[in-house]
C-alpha atoms as a PDB file:
ATOM      1  CA  MET A   1     202.929  -5.057  95.322  1.00  0.00           C
ATOM      2  CA  GLY A   2     203.936  -1.200  92.865  1.00  0.00           C
ATOM      3  CA  CYS A   3     203.252   1.896  94.170  1.00  0.00           C
ATOM      4  CA  ILE A   4     203.151   5.520  92.205  1.00  0.00           C
ATOM      5  CA  ILE A   5     203.450   8.898  92.293  1.00  0.00           C
ATOM      6  CA  VAL A   6     201.502  11.993  92.669  1.00  0.00           C
ATOM      7  CA  LYS A   7     201.966  15.685  91.680  1.00  0.00           C
ATOM      8  CA  ARG A   8     200.003  17.668  93.991  1.00  0.00           C
ATOM      9  CA  ASN A   9     200.974  21.263  93.104  1.00  0.00           C
ATOM     10  CA  GLU A  10     205.272  20.611  93.835  1.00  0.00           C
ATOM     11  CA  LYS A  11     204.918  18.135  95.939  1.00  0.00           C
ATOM     12  CA  MET A  12     205.197  14.031  95.331  1.00  0.00           C
ATOM     13  CA  GLU A  13     203.124  11.742  96.690  1.00  0.00           C
ATOM     14  CA  VAL A  14     203.769   7.991  96.715  1.00  0.00           C
ATOM     15  CA  ILE A  15     200.561   6.334  97.347  1.00  0.00           C
ATOM     16  CA  PRO A  16     201.708   2.764  97.438  1.00  0.00           C
ATOM     17  CA  GLU A  17     199.852  -0.747  96.395  1.00  0.00           C
ATOM     18  CA  ARG A  18     197.536  -2.325  99.085  1.00  0.00           C
ATOM     19  CA  GLU A  19     195.497  -5.589  98.861  1.00  0.00           C
ATOM     20  CA  PHE A  20     192.315  -4.516  98.641  1.00  0.00           C
ATOM     21  CA  PRO A  21     190.256  -6.986 101.735  1.00  0.00           C
ATOM     22  CA  LYS A  22     188.632  -9.821 100.110  1.00  0.00           C
ATOM     23  CA  GLU A  23     184.789  -9.724 102.091  1.00  0.00           C
ATOM     24  CA  LYS A  24     184.509  -6.326 100.289  1.00  0.00           C
ATOM     25  CA  ARG A  25     186.380  -6.965  96.743  1.00  0.00           C
ATOM     26  CA  GLU A  26     182.935  -8.300  94.436  1.00  0.00           C
ATOM     27  CA  GLU A  27     180.370  -5.410  96.386  1.00  0.00           C
ATOM     28  CA  HIS A  28     182.452  -2.480  96.105  1.00  0.00           C
ATOM     29  CA  LEU A  29     183.927  -4.018  92.768  1.00  0.00           C
ATOM     30  CA  HIS A  30     180.555  -4.248  91.350  1.00  0.00           C
ATOM     31  CA  ARG A  31     179.257  -0.882  92.998  1.00  0.00           C
ATOM     32  CA  PHE A  32     182.017   0.928  91.549  1.00  0.00           C
ATOM     33  CA  ILE A  33     182.268  -0.201  88.237  1.00  0.00           C
ATOM     34  CA  GLU A  34     178.051   0.285  87.781  1.00  0.00           C
ATOM     35  CA  ASN A  35     179.221   4.002  88.745  1.00  0.00           C
ATOM     36  CA  ALA A  36     181.434   4.029  85.975  1.00  0.00           C
ATOM     37  CA  PRO A  37     181.033   1.903  83.584  1.00  0.00           C
ATOM     38  CA  GLN A  38     183.341   3.391  81.070  1.00  0.00           C
ATOM     39  CA  PHE A  39     186.426   2.020  83.274  1.00  0.00           C
ATOM     40  CA  VAL A  40     185.071  -0.930  80.832  1.00  0.00           C
ATOM     41  CA  ALA A  41     183.790   0.787  78.095  1.00  0.00           C
ATOM     42  CA  PRO A  42     185.689  -0.065  74.202  1.00  0.00           C
ATOM     43  CA  VAL A  43     188.180   2.868  73.398  1.00  0.00           C
ATOM     44  CA  ASP A  44     187.034   5.588  70.017  1.00  0.00           C
ATOM     45  CA  GLU A  45     189.757   4.454  67.772  1.00  0.00           C
ATOM     46  CA  GLU A  46     190.632   8.431  66.895  1.00  0.00           C
ATOM     47  CA  THR A  47     190.508   9.808  70.332  1.00  0.00           C
ATOM     48  CA  GLY A  48     191.734   6.877  72.472  1.00  0.00           C
ATOM     49  CA  GLU A  49     188.431   7.839  74.976  1.00  0.00           C
ATOM     50  CA  PRO A  50     186.160   5.207  76.026  1.00  0.00           C
ATOM     51  CA  ILE A  51     182.875   5.714  74.039  1.00  0.00           C
ATOM     52  CA  PRO A  52     180.031   6.355  75.735  1.00  0.00           C
ATOM     53  CA  ILE A  53     178.184   3.403  77.889  1.00  0.00           C
ATOM     54  CA  VAL A  54     175.854   3.011  80.338  1.00  0.00           C
ATOM     55  CA  VAL A  55     174.259   0.470  83.192  1.00  0.00           C
ATOM     56  CA  VAL A  56     171.063  -1.322  81.334  1.00  0.00           C
ATOM     57  CA  ALA A  57     170.742  -3.815  84.282  1.00  0.00           C
ATOM     58  CA  SER A  58     171.913  -4.486  87.414  1.00  0.00           C
ATOM     59  CA  HIS A  59     171.528  -7.673  89.028  1.00  0.00           C
ATOM     60  CA  LEU A  60     169.840  -9.402  86.016  1.00  0.00           C
ATOM     61  CA  LYS A  61     168.022 -12.198  86.932  1.00  0.00           C
ATOM     62  CA  LEU A  62     168.705 -15.478  84.235  1.00  0.00           C
ATOM     63  CA  PRO A  63     166.434 -18.406  83.552  1.00  0.00           C
ATOM     64  CA  SER A  64     167.832 -20.388  85.757  1.00  0.00           C
ATOM     65  CA  GLY A  65     167.912 -18.459  88.893  1.00  0.00           C
ATOM     66  CA  ASP A  66     171.156 -16.901  88.710  1.00  0.00           C
ATOM     67  CA  GLU A  67     171.581 -13.354  88.040  1.00  0.00           C
ATOM     68  CA  LEU A  68     174.164 -12.123  85.695  1.00  0.00           C
ATOM     69  CA  ASP A  69     176.186  -9.387  87.558  1.00  0.00           C
ATOM     70  CA  LEU A  70     175.510  -6.247  85.108  1.00  0.00           C
ATOM     71  CA  LEU A  71     174.255  -6.224  81.264  1.00  0.00           C
ATOM     72  CA  LEU A  72     175.461  -1.857  79.243  1.00  0.00           C
ATOM     73  CA  LEU A  73     174.926  -0.900  76.050  1.00  0.00           C
ATOM     74  CA  ASP A  74     176.707   2.225  74.458  1.00  0.00           C
ATOM     75  CA  SER A  75     176.693   4.324  71.401  1.00  0.00           C
ATOM     76  CA  GLU A  76     177.792   1.470  69.060  1.00  0.00           C
ATOM     77  CA  GLY A  77     174.774  -0.649  70.059  1.00  0.00           C
ATOM     78  CA  THR A  78     176.276  -2.976  71.590  1.00  0.00           C
ATOM     79  CA  PHE A  79     175.660  -4.396  74.645  1.00  0.00           C
ATOM     80  CA  THR A  80     178.277  -5.595  77.428  1.00  0.00           C
ATOM     81  CA  LEU A  81     177.415  -8.691  79.623  1.00  0.00           C
ATOM     82  CA  CYS A  82     180.027  -8.180  83.000  1.00  0.00           C
ATOM     83  CA  GLU A  83     180.291 -10.301  84.823  1.00  0.00           C
ATOM     84  CA  LEU A  84     182.833  -9.590  87.935  1.00  0.00           C
ATOM     85  CA  LYS A  85     184.514 -11.561  90.668  1.00  0.00           C
ATOM     86  CA  ARG A  86     185.905 -11.936  94.207  1.00  0.00           C
ATOM     87  CA  GLU A  87     188.759 -12.935  93.568  1.00  0.00           C
ATOM     88  CA  THR A  88     190.167 -14.407  90.349  1.00  0.00           C
ATOM     89  CA  VAL A  89     188.816 -14.538  86.297  1.00  0.00           C
ATOM     90  CA  ASP A  90     189.603 -18.220  85.822  1.00  0.00           C
ATOM     91  CA  ARG A  91     188.491 -20.925  83.624  1.00  0.00           C
ATOM     92  CA  LYS A  92     184.824 -21.787  84.955  1.00  0.00           C
ATOM     93  CA  THR A  93     184.037 -17.718  84.797  1.00  0.00           C
ATOM     94  CA  ILE A  94     184.352 -17.862  81.387  1.00  0.00           C
ATOM     95  CA  GLY A  95     182.190 -21.988  80.785  1.00  0.00           C
ATOM     96  CA  GLN A  96     179.234 -19.165  83.048  1.00  0.00           C
ATOM     97  CA  ILE A  97     179.517 -16.429  80.801  1.00  0.00           C
ATOM     98  CA  LEU A  98     178.266 -18.241  78.088  1.00  0.00           C
ATOM     99  CA  ASP A  99     176.677 -20.344  80.002  1.00  0.00           C
ATOM    100  CA  TYR A 100     174.820 -15.969  80.360  1.00  0.00           C
ATOM    101  CA  THR A 101     175.178 -14.864  77.090  1.00  0.00           C
ATOM    102  CA  ALA A 102     173.079 -18.238  75.513  1.00  0.00           C
ATOM    103  CA  GLN A 103     170.597 -17.139  78.761  1.00  0.00           C
ATOM    104  CA  LEU A 104     170.112 -14.081  77.948  1.00  0.00           C
ATOM    105  CA  ALA A 105     169.327 -14.902  73.506  1.00  0.00           C
ATOM    106  CA  GLU A 106     166.421 -17.295  75.172  1.00  0.00           C
ATOM    107  CA  MET A 107     165.438 -14.649  77.435  1.00  0.00           C
ATOM    108  CA  GLY A 108     165.003 -12.294  73.524  1.00  0.00           C
ATOM    109  CA  MET A 109     164.270  -8.235  73.810  1.00  0.00           C
ATOM    110  CA  GLU A 110     161.506  -7.919  74.576  1.00  0.00           C
ATOM    111  CA  ASN A 111     161.578  -8.953  77.974  1.00  0.00           C
ATOM    112  CA  LEU A 112     164.403  -6.227  78.087  1.00  0.00           C
ATOM    113  CA  LYS A 113     162.406  -3.271  76.761  1.00  0.00           C
ATOM    114  CA  GLU A 114     161.572  -1.300  78.961  1.00  0.00           C
ATOM    115  CA  GLN A 115     165.823  -1.176  80.409  1.00  0.00           C
ATOM    116  CA  VAL A 116     167.190  -0.649  76.844  1.00  0.00           C
ATOM    117  CA  ASN A 117     164.442   2.437  76.443  1.00  0.00           C
ATOM    118  CA  ARG A 118     165.542   4.086  79.740  1.00  0.00           C
ATOM    119  CA  ALA A 119     169.693   3.373  78.456  1.00  0.00           C
ATOM    120  CA  CYS A 120     169.395   4.561  75.046  1.00  0.00           C
ATOM    121  CA  GLU A 121     167.446   7.592  76.783  1.00  0.00           C
ATOM    122  CA  GLU A 122     170.232   7.961  79.005  1.00  0.00           C
ATOM    123  CA  LEU A 123     172.780   7.110  75.808  1.00  0.00           C
ATOM    124  CA  ARG A 124     171.202  10.140  73.161  1.00  0.00           C
ATOM    125  CA  LYS A 125     171.475  13.079  75.945  1.00  0.00           C
ATOM    126  CA  GLN A 126     175.285  11.932  76.616  1.00  0.00           C
ATOM    127  CA  VAL A 127     176.560  11.454  72.281  1.00  0.00           C
ATOM    128  CA  GLU A 128     174.514  15.054  72.264  1.00  0.00           C
ATOM    129  CA  GLN A 129     176.434  16.541  74.888  1.00  0.00           C
ATOM    130  CA  LEU A 130     179.611  15.111  72.818  1.00  0.00           C
ATOM    131  CA  GLY A 131     178.130  17.539  70.254  1.00  0.00           C
ATOM    132  CA  ARG A 132     177.938  14.001  68.546  1.00  0.00           C
ATOM    133  CA  GLU A 133     175.095  12.823  66.081  1.00  0.00           C
ATOM    134  CA  TRP A 134     172.655  10.118  67.323  1.00  0.00           C
ATOM    135  CA  ASP A 135     172.443   7.150  65.386  1.00  0.00           C
ATOM    136  CA  GLU A 136     169.061   5.658  65.126  1.00  0.00           C
ATOM    137  CA  GLU A 137     169.719   3.273  63.295  1.00  0.00           C
ATOM    138  CA  SER A 138     171.646   1.627  64.794  1.00  0.00           C
ATOM    139  CA  PHE A 139     169.489   1.904  67.843  1.00  0.00           C
ATOM    140  CA  THR A 140     166.059  -0.224  66.001  1.00  0.00           C
ATOM    141  CA  GLU A 141     164.531  -2.715  67.419  1.00  0.00           C
ATOM    142  CA  ASP A 142     165.455  -4.555  64.799  1.00  0.00           C
ATOM    143  CA  ALA A 143     169.027  -4.226  65.338  1.00  0.00           C
ATOM    144  CA  LEU A 144     168.999  -3.826  69.280  1.00  0.00           C
ATOM    145  CA  LYS A 145     167.781  -7.470  68.504  1.00  0.00           C
ATOM    146  CA  GLU A 146     170.871  -8.893  66.527  1.00  0.00           C
ATOM    147  CA  LYS A 147     173.404  -7.266  68.836  1.00  0.00           C
ATOM    148  CA  LEU A 148     171.928  -8.754  72.449  1.00  0.00           C
ATOM    149  CA  SER A 149     172.418 -11.669  70.192  1.00  0.00           C
ATOM    150  CA  ARG A 150     175.885 -10.977  69.419  1.00  0.00           C
ATOM    151  CA  PRO A 151     177.015  -8.815  72.321  1.00  0.00           C
ATOM    152  CA  ARG A 152     180.606  -7.575  74.183  1.00  0.00           C
ATOM    153  CA  LEU A 153     181.416 -10.160  77.100  1.00  0.00           C
ATOM    154  CA  VAL A 154     183.680  -8.173  79.414  1.00  0.00           C
ATOM    155  CA  LEU A 155     185.505  -9.971  83.071  1.00  0.00           C
ATOM    156  CA  VAL A 156     186.722  -8.231  85.821  1.00  0.00           C
ATOM    157  CA  GLY A 157     188.735  -9.728  88.605  1.00  0.00           C
ATOM    158  CA  TRP A 158     191.314  -9.193  91.033  1.00  0.00           C
ATOM    159  CA  GLU A 159     193.357 -11.346  89.474  1.00  0.00           C
ATOM    160  CA  VAL A 160     193.504 -13.378  86.559  1.00  0.00           C
ATOM    161  CA  GLU A 161     194.332 -16.918  85.167  1.00  0.00           C
ATOM    162  CA  GLU A 162     196.686 -17.248  81.800  1.00  0.00           C
ATOM    163  CA  ASP A 163     194.255 -20.587  81.129  1.00  0.00           C
ATOM    164  CA  ALA A 164     191.465 -17.680  81.014  1.00  0.00           C
ATOM    165  CA  ILE A 165     193.239 -15.255  78.928  1.00  0.00           C
ATOM    166  CA  ARG A 166     194.771 -17.794  77.060  1.00  0.00           C
ATOM    167  CA  ILE A 167     191.000 -19.435  76.138  1.00  0.00           C
ATOM    168  CA  ALA A 168     189.896 -14.972  75.638  1.00  0.00           C
ATOM    169  CA  ARG A 169     192.200 -14.722  72.868  1.00  0.00           C
ATOM    170  CA  TRP A 170     190.631 -17.780  71.714  1.00  0.00           C
ATOM    171  CA  LEU A 171     187.361 -16.574  71.066  1.00  0.00           C
ATOM    172  CA  GLN A 172     188.783 -12.708  69.638  1.00  0.00           C
ATOM    173  CA  TYR A 173     190.126 -14.986  67.369  1.00  0.00           C
ATOM    174  CA  GLN A 174     186.761 -16.914  66.480  1.00  0.00           C
ATOM    175  CA  GLY A 175     185.146 -14.316  66.248  1.00  0.00           C
ATOM    176  CA  ILE A 176     183.492 -13.750  69.631  1.00  0.00           C
ATOM    177  CA  ASP A 177     184.179 -10.623  71.771  1.00  0.00           C
ATOM    178  CA  MET A 178     185.712 -11.118  74.791  1.00  0.00           C
ATOM    179  CA  GLU A 179     187.923  -9.665  77.312  1.00  0.00           C
ATOM    180  CA  CYS A 180     189.646  -9.742  80.594  1.00  0.00           C
ATOM    181  CA  TYR A 181     190.225  -7.116  82.751  1.00  0.00           C
ATOM    182  CA  LYS A 182     192.068  -7.422  86.529  1.00  0.00           C
ATOM    183  CA  PHE A 183     192.352  -4.142  88.935  1.00  0.00           C
ATOM    184  CA  ASN A 184     195.323  -2.716  91.088  1.00  0.00           C
ATOM    185  CA  TYR A 185     194.042  -0.399  94.468  1.00  0.00           C
ATOM    186  CA  PHE A 186     195.902   1.757  95.692  1.00  0.00           C
ATOM    187  CA  THR A 187     195.749   3.621  98.816  1.00  0.00           C
ATOM    188  CA  THR A 188     196.633   6.738 101.432  1.00  0.00           C
ATOM    189  CA  LYS A 189     194.613   7.441 104.230  1.00  0.00           C
ATOM    190  CA  ASP A 190     192.106   9.649 102.555  1.00  0.00           C
ATOM    191  CA  LEU A 191     192.264   8.280  99.237  1.00  0.00           C
ATOM    192  CA  GLU A 192     191.618   5.314  96.453  1.00  0.00           C
ATOM    193  CA  ILE A 193     192.976   4.940  93.654  1.00  0.00           C
ATOM    194  CA  PHE A 194     191.491   1.952  90.878  1.00  0.00           C
ATOM    195  CA  VAL A 195     193.426   1.359  88.068  1.00  0.00           C
ATOM    196  CA  PRO A 196     191.622  -1.257  85.421  1.00  0.00           C
ATOM    197  CA  HIS A 197     193.941  -2.945  82.584  1.00  0.00           C
ATOM    198  CA  ASN A 198     192.564  -4.636  79.591  1.00  0.00           C
ATOM    199  CA  LEU A 199     194.427  -8.053  79.500  1.00  0.00           C
ATOM    200  CA  THR A 200     193.046  -9.007  76.264  1.00  0.00           C
ATOM    201  CA  PRO A 201     192.597  -5.975  74.278  1.00  0.00           C
ATOM    202  CA  TYR A 202     192.144  -5.055  70.440  1.00  0.00           C
ATOM    203  CA  GLY A 203     195.075  -3.959  67.862  1.00  0.00           C
ATOM    204  CA  GLU A 204     197.832  -5.998  69.301  1.00  0.00           C
ATOM    205  CA  GLU A 205     199.302  -5.318  66.316  1.00  0.00           C
ATOM    206  CA  GLU A 206     199.537  -1.006  67.089  1.00  0.00           C
ATOM    207  CA  ARG A 207     200.897  -2.783  70.738  1.00  0.00           C
ATOM    208  CA  GLY A 208     203.833  -4.593  69.402  1.00  0.00           C
ATOM    209  CA  VAL A 209     202.607  -7.897  70.084  1.00  0.00           C
ATOM    210  CA  GLN A 210     202.252  -9.810  67.580  1.00  0.00           C
ATOM    211  CA  VAL A 211     198.585 -10.965  65.884  1.00  0.00           C
ATOM    212  CA  PRO A 212     198.279 -14.176  64.809  1.00  0.00           C
ATOM    213  CA  LEU A 213     198.585 -14.953  61.591  1.00  0.00           C
ATOM    214  CA  GLU A 214     195.044 -16.425  60.787  1.00  0.00           C
ATOM    215  CA  ARG A 215     193.841 -13.174  61.865  1.00  0.00           C
ATOM    216  CA  GLU A 216     196.475 -11.574  60.112  1.00  0.00           C
ATOM    217  CA  ASN A 217     195.674 -13.421  56.841  1.00  0.00           C
ATOM    218  CA  LYS A 218     192.070 -12.795  57.096  1.00  0.00           C
ATOM    219  CA  ARG A 219     192.555  -9.748  57.101  1.00  0.00           C
ATOM    220  CA  CYS A 220     195.136  -9.612  53.920  1.00  0.00           C
ATOM    221  CA  LYS A 221     192.665 -11.580  52.270  1.00  0.00           C
ATOM    222  CA  PHE A 222     189.825  -9.185  52.715  1.00  0.00           C
ATOM    223  CA  TRP A 223     191.921  -6.154  51.772  1.00  0.00           C
ATOM    224  CA  GLU A 224     193.569  -8.324  49.252  1.00  0.00           C
ATOM    225  CA  ASP A 225     189.781  -8.418  48.265  1.00  0.00           C
ATOM    226  CA  MET A 226     188.500  -5.310  47.873  1.00  0.00           C
ATOM    227  CA  LEU A 227     191.364  -4.008  46.290  1.00  0.00           C
ATOM    228  CA  ARG A 228     189.669  -5.885  43.269  1.00  0.00           C
ATOM    229  CA  ARG A 229     185.963  -4.855  43.307  1.00  0.00           C
ATOM    230  CA  LEU A 230     187.391  -1.568  43.100  1.00  0.00           C
ATOM    231  CA  GLY A 231     189.006  -1.712  40.555  1.00  0.00           C
ATOM    232  CA  ASN A 232     190.895   1.654  39.290  1.00  0.00           C
ATOM    233  CA  ARG A 233     187.508   3.008  39.932  1.00  0.00           C
ATOM    234  CA  ILE A 234     189.849   5.845  41.948  1.00  0.00           C
ATOM    235  CA  PRO A 235     193.740   5.889  41.197  1.00  0.00           C
ATOM    236  CA  HIS A 236     196.228   4.457  44.026  1.00  0.00           C
ATOM    237  CA  ARG A 237     199.283   2.456  43.812  1.00  0.00           C
ATOM    238  CA  TRP A 238     198.387  -0.573  46.453  1.00  0.00           C
ATOM    239  CA  LYS A 239     200.135  -3.179  44.970  1.00  0.00           C
ATOM    240  CA  THR A 240     199.535  -5.438  48.234  1.00  0.00           C
ATOM    241  CA  PRO A 241     196.935  -5.450  50.053  1.00  0.00           C
ATOM    242  CA  PRO A 242     197.681  -3.895  54.117  1.00  0.00           C
ATOM    243  CA  LYS A 243     197.782  -7.016  57.264  1.00  0.00           C
ATOM    244  CA  GLY A 244     196.472  -3.483  59.237  1.00  0.00           C
ATOM    245  CA  PRO A 245     192.913  -2.298  59.734  1.00  0.00           C
ATOM    246  CA  TRP A 246     193.422   0.258  57.032  1.00  0.00           C
ATOM    247  CA  LEU A 247     192.977   0.847  53.328  1.00  0.00           C
ATOM    248  CA  PHE A 248     193.488   4.319  52.780  1.00  0.00           C
ATOM    249  CA  PHE A 249     194.411   6.582  49.666  1.00  0.00           C
ATOM    250  CA  GLY A 250     195.965   9.788  49.340  1.00  0.00           C
ATOM    251  CA  ILE A 251     194.229  12.467  46.622  1.00  0.00           C
ATOM    252  CA  GLY A 252     197.437  14.618  46.139  1.00  0.00           C
ATOM    253  CA  ILE A 253     197.117  16.949  48.667  1.00  0.00           C
ATOM    254  CA  GLY A 254     199.354  16.187  51.586  1.00  0.00           C
ATOM    255  CA  GLY A 255     196.810  15.383  54.821  1.00  0.00           C
ATOM    256  CA  ALA A 256     194.312  14.290  53.144  1.00  0.00           C
ATOM    257  CA  GLY A 257     193.168  11.157  52.251  1.00  0.00           C
ATOM    258  CA  ILE A 258     189.773   8.268  51.852  1.00  0.00           C
ATOM    259  CA  GLY A 259     189.811   5.256  52.771  1.00  0.00           C
ATOM    260  CA  PHE A 260     188.105   2.146  55.191  1.00  0.00           C
ATOM    261  CA  GLN A 261     188.826   1.125  58.182  1.00  0.00           C
ATOM    262  CA  GLY A 262     187.759  -2.188  59.307  1.00  0.00           C
ATOM    263  CA  SER A 263     186.733  -2.130  63.309  1.00  0.00           C
ATOM    264  CA  HIS A 264     184.844  -4.962  64.437  1.00  0.00           C
ATOM    265  CA  SER A 265     181.853  -5.928  62.999  1.00  0.00           C
ATOM    266  CA  ARG A 266     181.242  -2.609  61.098  1.00  0.00           C
ATOM    267  CA  LEU A 267     183.351  -0.984  58.112  1.00  0.00           C
ATOM    268  CA  HIS A 268     183.402   2.158  57.532  1.00  0.00           C
ATOM    269  CA  VAL A 269     184.366   4.628  54.702  1.00  0.00           C
ATOM    270  CA  GLY A 270     186.034   7.711  55.435  1.00  0.00           C
ATOM    271  CA  PHE A 271     186.976  10.816  54.568  1.00  0.00           C
ATOM    272  CA  SER A 272     190.545  12.643  56.146  1.00  0.00           C
ATOM    273  CA  LEU A 273     192.258  15.978  56.371  1.00  0.00           C
ATOM    274  CA  TYR A 274     195.122  17.356  58.780  1.00  0.00           C
ATOM    275  CA  LYS A 275     193.450  20.306  60.813  1.00  0.00           C
ATOM    276  CA  PRO A 276     197.174  21.970  61.185  1.00  0.00           C
ATOM    277  CA  ARG A 277     197.938  22.166  57.613  1.00  0.00           C
ATOM    278  CA  LEU A 278     193.690  21.601  55.801  1.00  0.00           C
ATOM    279  CA  LYS A 279     191.912  24.764  58.400  1.00  0.00           C
ATOM    280  CA  ASN A 280     189.871  25.983  55.912  1.00  0.00           C
ATOM    281  CA  LEU A 281     188.968  22.736  54.699  1.00  0.00           C
ATOM    282  CA  VAL A 282     187.944  21.346  57.414  1.00  0.00           C
ATOM    283  CA  GLU A 283     185.863  24.781  57.469  1.00  0.00           C
ATOM    284  CA  ARG A 284     184.204  24.270  54.238  1.00  0.00           C
ATOM    285  CA  VAL A 285     183.244  20.397  54.424  1.00  0.00           C
ATOM    286  CA  LYS A 286     181.524  20.834  58.189  1.00  0.00           C
ATOM    287  CA  ASN A 287     179.925  23.236  56.157  1.00  0.00           C
ATOM    288  CA  SER A 288     175.696  22.361  56.154  1.00  0.00           C
ATOM    289  CA  GLU A 289     175.005  22.786  52.375  1.00  0.00           C
ATOM    290  CA  PHE A 290     178.539  21.217  51.669  1.00  0.00           C
ATOM    291  CA  LEU A 291     177.295  18.373  53.719  1.00  0.00           C
ATOM    292  CA  LYS A 292     173.004  17.781  52.150  1.00  0.00           C
ATOM    293  CA  GLU A 293     175.355  17.679  48.967  1.00  0.00           C
ATOM    294  CA  LEU A 294     176.777  14.495  49.616  1.00  0.00           C
ATOM    295  CA  GLU A 295     174.615  13.186  52.047  1.00  0.00           C
ATOM    296  CA  LYS A 296     171.982  13.356  48.294  1.00  0.00           C
ATOM    297  CA  GLU A 297     174.740  11.911  46.263  1.00  0.00           C
ATOM    298  CA  THR A 298     175.402   9.262  48.442  1.00  0.00           C
ATOM    299  CA  GLY A 299     172.586   8.371  49.368  1.00  0.00           C
ATOM    300  CA  GLU A 300     174.015   8.092  53.126  1.00  0.00           C
ATOM    301  CA  THR A 301     174.126   9.749  56.467  1.00  0.00           C
ATOM    302  CA  TRP A 302     177.547  10.980  56.768  1.00  0.00           C
ATOM    303  CA  GLN A 303     179.149  11.965  60.829  1.00  0.00           C
ATOM    304  CA  ILE A 304     181.983  14.211  61.788  1.00  0.00           C
ATOM    305  CA  HIS A 305     184.198  13.105  63.797  1.00  0.00           C
ATOM    306  CA  GLU A 306     187.360  15.922  65.029  1.00  0.00           C
ATOM    307  CA  ALA A 307     189.793  15.335  67.696  1.00  0.00           C
ATOM    308  CA  GLU A 308     193.451  17.735  68.274  1.00  0.00           C
ATOM    309  CA  LYS A 309     194.815  16.926  64.816  1.00  0.00           C
ATOM    310  CA  GLU A 310     192.673  15.446  62.577  1.00  0.00           C
ATOM    311  CA  PHE A 311     189.278  15.995  61.397  1.00  0.00           C
ATOM    312  CA  VAL A 312     186.906  12.883  59.501  1.00  0.00           C
ATOM    313  CA  LEU A 313     183.576  12.387  57.877  1.00  0.00           C
ATOM    314  CA  ARG A 314     181.973   9.321  57.869  1.00  0.00           C
ATOM    315  CA  THR A 315     179.856   6.484  57.526  1.00  0.00           C
ATOM    316  CA  TRP A 316     179.559   2.170  58.345  1.00  0.00           C
ATOM    317  CA  ARG A 317     178.023  -0.561  57.413  1.00  0.00           C
ATOM    318  CA  ASP A 318     177.186  -3.730  60.462  1.00  0.00           C
ATOM    319  CA  THR A 319     178.070  -6.432  59.391  1.00  0.00           C
ATOM    320  CA  GLY A 320     175.078  -9.047  60.366  1.00  0.00           C
ATOM    321  CA  GLY A 321     177.178  -9.069  64.019  1.00  0.00           C
ATOM    322  CA  VAL A 322     179.949 -11.394  61.501  1.00  0.00           C
ATOM    323  CA  SER A 323     183.376  -9.569  61.860  1.00  0.00           C
ATOM    324  CA  VAL A 324     184.746  -7.405  59.777  1.00  0.00           C
ATOM    325  CA  TRP A 325     186.663  -9.489  57.985  1.00  0.00           C
ATOM    326  CA  ASP A 326     184.512 -11.651  57.627  1.00  0.00           C
ATOM    327  CA  ALA A 327     181.867  -9.151  55.907  1.00  0.00           C
ATOM    328  CA  PRO A 328     179.697 -10.868  53.608  1.00  0.00           C
ATOM    329  CA  GLU A 329     178.838  -9.925  50.156  1.00  0.00           C
ATOM    330  CA  GLU A 330     176.718  -7.384  50.475  1.00  0.00           C
ATOM    331  CA  VAL A 331     178.714  -5.127  52.650  1.00  0.00           C
ATOM    332  CA  ARG A 332     181.675  -5.146  50.901  1.00  0.00           C
ATOM    333  CA  ASP A 333     179.841  -4.575  47.698  1.00  0.00           C
ATOM    334  CA  TRP A 334     178.238  -1.702  49.731  1.00  0.00           C
ATOM    335  CA  GLY A 335     181.808  -0.626  51.064  1.00  0.00           C
ATOM    336  CA  VAL A 336     183.356  -0.203  47.567  1.00  0.00           C
ATOM    337  CA  GLU A 337     180.593   1.699  45.326  1.00  0.00           C
ATOM    338  CA  THR A 338     180.270   4.330  48.835  1.00  0.00           C
ATOM    339  CA  LEU A 339     184.006   5.005  48.169  1.00  0.00           C
ATOM    340  CA  VAL A 340     183.576   5.312  45.111  1.00  0.00           C
ATOM    341  CA  LYS A 341     181.140   7.590  45.601  1.00  0.00           C
ATOM    342  CA  LEU A 342     182.547   9.829  48.344  1.00  0.00           C
ATOM    343  CA  TYR A 343     185.475  10.015  45.778  1.00  0.00           C
ATOM    344  CA  ASN A 344     184.021  11.706  42.697  1.00  0.00           C
ATOM    345  CA  PHE A 345     182.060  13.709  45.351  1.00  0.00           C
ATOM    346  CA  ILE A 346     184.411  15.088  47.270  1.00  0.00           C
ATOM    347  CA  VAL A 347     188.314  15.540  45.307  1.00  0.00           C
ATOM    348  CA  PRO A 348     186.699  17.622  42.957  1.00  0.00           C
ATOM    349  CA  ARG A 349     185.910  19.682  45.630  1.00  0.00           C
ATOM    350  CA  ILE A 350     188.338  19.746  46.969  1.00  0.00           C
ATOM    351  CA  ARG A 351     190.943  20.105  44.301  1.00  0.00           C
ATOM    352  CA  LYS A 352     189.045  23.164  43.316  1.00  0.00           C
ATOM    353  CA  TRP A 353     189.121  24.976  46.271  1.00  0.00           C
ATOM    354  CA  MET A 354     192.855  24.942  46.481  1.00  0.00           C
ATOM    355  CA  GLY A 355     193.036  25.509  42.928  1.00  0.00           C
ATOM    356  CA  ARG A 356     193.982  22.476  41.493  1.00  0.00           C
ATOM    357  CA  GLU A 357     191.149  21.697  38.996  1.00  0.00           C
ATOM    358  CA  GLU A 358     194.269  20.139  36.647  1.00  0.00           C
ATOM    359  CA  GLU A 359     195.153  16.720  38.452  1.00  0.00           C
END
């Protein structure tokens, strides 16, 4: 048992961790996550914030008569099956949610159409309130059918056994998107605090945890193949492929670059600017006429993502549900062609604006 310290005005308050009453655990946890699904939402890799996510169905009846606790849908068009446990997530729980996944695939979109349409409308509102563009292509009926066959799986309990964590990680390495969460409970007379912990996060290399050799090798082979396909169509200095999820190229201007990012089942192509150094460039690139020209030149829809210090313009292609490191040929070819088009369009213009056309 631990505690957390909260500063209120000038006073420090120690809030102890408690055992949550067993008879209320699953019911309370269900209500908590149903009302605040962002606690188990995927995290935006640029902002570090949960992406928009909504409840599609609660206590969803399956063909066997069993009930799935929660079915969620996020702003990337990914479905999440969420199973909650009153006490401990164990290896049996993993078998249970895999069975539910198979049953949900049998049900298909036809039996969920009304709930999914409502969820899409709510998601659209959340995305637009954040000042972002709604990605229609990720929410077509065909796209949603595909995503329903390869959902994200989330298990939540007050404790998670080591066996379950080990199996979940192994399934991740096989391309199954599974995560395990536990909650800590802190309380005073008039305050309850629930603290979620993702025990099987992606991106372990950024957290100082060793990445399994198999996944690292897949990444290296993927980037090696992308560099081979790219050849010398744009200038770069890469001799060996990177081990991380990014492959970026400088363009001769400090704080600016273009490149690829692999994320779950998407390959992103993007252009980034360091805002504190390149404010004027950011404003030029955000110009609607510039964006229209870029879309016409590349044949792609580009979305803007801004953090405190970084401006990113990006587009992406889904890999058909498989891990990006196993992306099919057409996705790899699309990535290279789109990057070259982006480079040929954007770099000459930026150099002109910067008075560096000779480069």
